[in-house]
Amino acid sequence: MSYKDHFAEHLRIALLRALLDCPECKANDSILRDLVATVGLSATRDQVRGVIAWLSEQGLTRHTDLGGLYVATLTERGEDVAMGRATAPGVRRPTPRG
């Protein structure tokens, strides 16, 4: 697997886990970019938006575009994947939080 593929899998689970900690499991792309940076993932806003769209296509999030600001909301399935209760192809399985 290439670095790009590994990074994408890590970014996807990091975004799902970040949404778990947000009020109403909802956040905009700017906040999510900052949150994934706290776990060592340096992602651009465009990368975060692309992953939000991909996660929505997989049924793990829903998102809306509010005039250039993406707002992502975790779905029930997305929560299951973020918590490690379910798996999704292309999303890294989470490790236990310490």
Protein backbone atom coordinates (compact mmCIF):
# COMPACT_ATOMS: atom_id res chain seq x y z
CA MET A 1 0.00 0.00 0.00
CA SER A 2 1.32 3.45 -0.87
CA TYR A 3 1.90 6.34 1.54
CA LYS A 4 -1.05 8.14 -0.05
CA ASP A 5 -3.37 5.21 0.71
CA HIS A 6 -2.12 4.88 4.30
CA PHE A 7 -2.54 8.62 4.84
CA ALA A 8 -6.09 8.54 3.44
CA GLU A 9 -7.09 5.68 5.77
CA HIS A 10 -5.62 7.49 8.79
CA LEU A 11 -7.26 10.80 7.85
CA ARG A 12 -10.64 9.12 7.44
CA ILE A 13 -10.60 7.51 10.89
CA ALA A 14 -9.17 10.67 12.45
CA LEU A 15 -12.05 12.72 11.06
CA LEU A 16 -14.63 10.21 12.27
CA ARG A 17 -13.04 10.13 15.74
CA ALA A 18 -12.88 13.94 15.81
CA LEU A 19 -16.59 14.16 15.02
CA LEU A 20 -17.31 11.90 18.01
CA ASP A 21 -15.93 14.61 20.30
CA CYS A 22 -17.83 17.50 18.70
CA PRO A 23 -21.16 18.82 19.99
CA GLU A 24 -23.96 16.97 18.20
CA CYS A 25 -21.22 14.99 16.36
CA LYS A 26 -21.09 17.89 13.88
CA ALA A 27 -18.28 20.27 12.79
CA ASN A 28 -17.14 22.38 9.88
CA ASP A 29 -14.14 21.60 7.70
CA SER A 30 -11.97 24.28 9.30
CA ILE A 31 -12.45 22.90 12.81
CA LEU A 32 -11.93 19.34 11.60
CA ARG A 33 -8.65 20.31 9.92
CA ASP A 34 -7.44 21.76 13.24
CA LEU A 35 -8.60 18.69 15.18
CA VAL A 36 -6.78 16.18 12.97
CA ALA A 37 -3.63 18.28 13.29
CA THR A 38 -3.68 17.57 17.03
CA VAL A 39 -3.09 13.88 16.25
CA GLY A 40 -0.21 14.62 13.87
CA LEU A 41 -2.03 14.68 10.55
CA SER A 42 -1.25 17.73 8.47
CA ALA A 43 -4.08 18.03 5.97
CA THR A 44 -5.19 20.87 3.76
CA ARG A 45 -8.74 22.14 3.81
CA ASP A 46 -9.24 20.65 0.33
CA GLN A 47 -8.06 17.25 1.59
CA VAL A 48 -10.46 17.43 4.52
CA ARG A 49 -13.32 18.39 2.20
CA GLY A 50 -12.50 15.52 -0.14
CA VAL A 51 -12.51 13.06 2.74
CA ILE A 52 -15.78 14.48 4.10
CA ALA A 53 -17.36 13.94 0.67
CA TRP A 54 -15.91 10.41 0.48
CA LEU A 55 -17.17 9.56 3.98
CA SER A 56 -20.62 10.85 2.98
CA GLU A 57 -20.63 8.62 -0.12
CA GLN A 58 -19.88 5.67 2.18
CA GLY A 59 -22.75 6.59 4.52
CA LEU A 60 -20.42 7.38 7.43
CA THR A 61 -21.20 11.11 7.52
CA ARG A 62 -23.64 13.57 6.00
CA HIS A 63 -22.44 16.94 4.85
CA THR A 64 -23.81 20.22 3.66
CA ASP A 65 -22.09 23.04 1.82
CA LEU A 66 -23.05 26.34 3.45
CA GLY A 67 -21.71 28.76 0.89
CA GLY A 68 -18.19 27.34 0.83
CA LEU A 69 -18.12 25.96 4.36
CA TYR A 70 -18.56 22.19 4.61
CA VAL A 71 -20.36 20.95 7.72
CA ALA A 72 -20.05 17.22 8.45
CA THR A 73 -22.33 15.22 10.73
CA LEU A 74 -21.50 11.72 11.92
CA THR A 75 -24.07 9.04 11.04
CA GLU A 76 -24.89 6.07 13.24
CA ARG A 77 -22.78 3.83 10.98
CA GLY A 78 -19.96 6.37 11.12
CA GLU A 79 -20.09 6.26 14.91
CA ASP A 80 -19.88 2.47 14.84
CA VAL A 81 -16.79 2.63 12.61
CA ALA A 82 -15.20 5.40 14.72
CA MET A 83 -15.71 3.31 17.88
CA GLY A 84 -14.37 0.13 16.27
CA ARG A 85 -17.71 -1.69 16.48
CA ALA A 86 -17.84 -1.96 12.68
CA THR A 87 -15.36 -1.73 9.83
CA ALA A 88 -15.47 0.07 6.52
CA PRO A 89 -13.19 -0.57 3.55
CA GLY A 90 -10.76 2.32 3.12
CA VAL A 91 -10.99 3.42 6.75
CA ARG A 92 -8.28 2.44 9.20
CA ARG A 93 -9.55 0.46 12.16
CA PRO A 94 -9.16 2.61 15.28
CA THR A 95 -6.75 1.76 18.03
CA PRO A 96 -7.94 1.98 21.64
CA ARG A 97 -7.76 5.47 23.09
CA GLY A 98 -5.28 5.77 25.90
